[in-house]
């Protein structure tokens, strides 16, 4: 009731453009690029035909990966608002989209890729944890901190895949024994180096499977342009099947 009252007094704005209605205005919904089959069965990377594995698959420690959106346009803007401007409510919209991904992985617990202490102090909260809490609520699973960042690795954006994997080596430690099936949450999937480092740590601590989900994934520039044609890789706007908060009663 308090949340609804606040929405009346201080209405939330579109997570993409920051001006339209919550969670994504019609204009931004039309620009969201959804990822759905056909794809790689293991990593969820878009493909013209279904394949069991692909060149974008993460290291072996990660069982599967999924993300609802391509990391561009309104999805990218929404994640930036969550990470850098303190819009914590954006996590609810993105967690709903993650929960709606096809082929959800079986899991006993939800956890997240933790921030380094300095970044956590700067931002005041951990955006991956916010996503994990929202997703755990929708999946009716416990959300538990299983990892801590042992090494502050610095920004990864300008590093190549091999450099990222080397930088992430030993970056995480387990804070408690995990259950057999873990669902690991991050904000963006890029090379899979961070997720793989977390997964390796969880497997050493006793997990049997680590499945990774994120709000969006970066698509390699070498992907054929025909994958992004409207008939093969449609936008969210015309498709009522993709659930977002606000589409149906909570």
Foldseek 3Di string as FASTA:
>chain_A
DVVVVCCVVPNFADLQPRHHHPPHDLVQLQVWFFQAPPDACAESHYDLHRHVDDPLHAPPLARHEEATTACDHRLVSNLCCLQPVVPLCSLLQLLLLQLLHPPDDDAQEEEELDAAPVSCVVRVHGNQVSNRVNNCVVVVHYYDYFKDFPDHLPDDVPPDLVRLLVSLAVGMATPAQDEAEYEYEDAEAESCNSVSSVSVRNVVSPYNHYHYYHHHYHDDPPPDPVCVPCVNTNGSNVDLSRDGPPSDDD
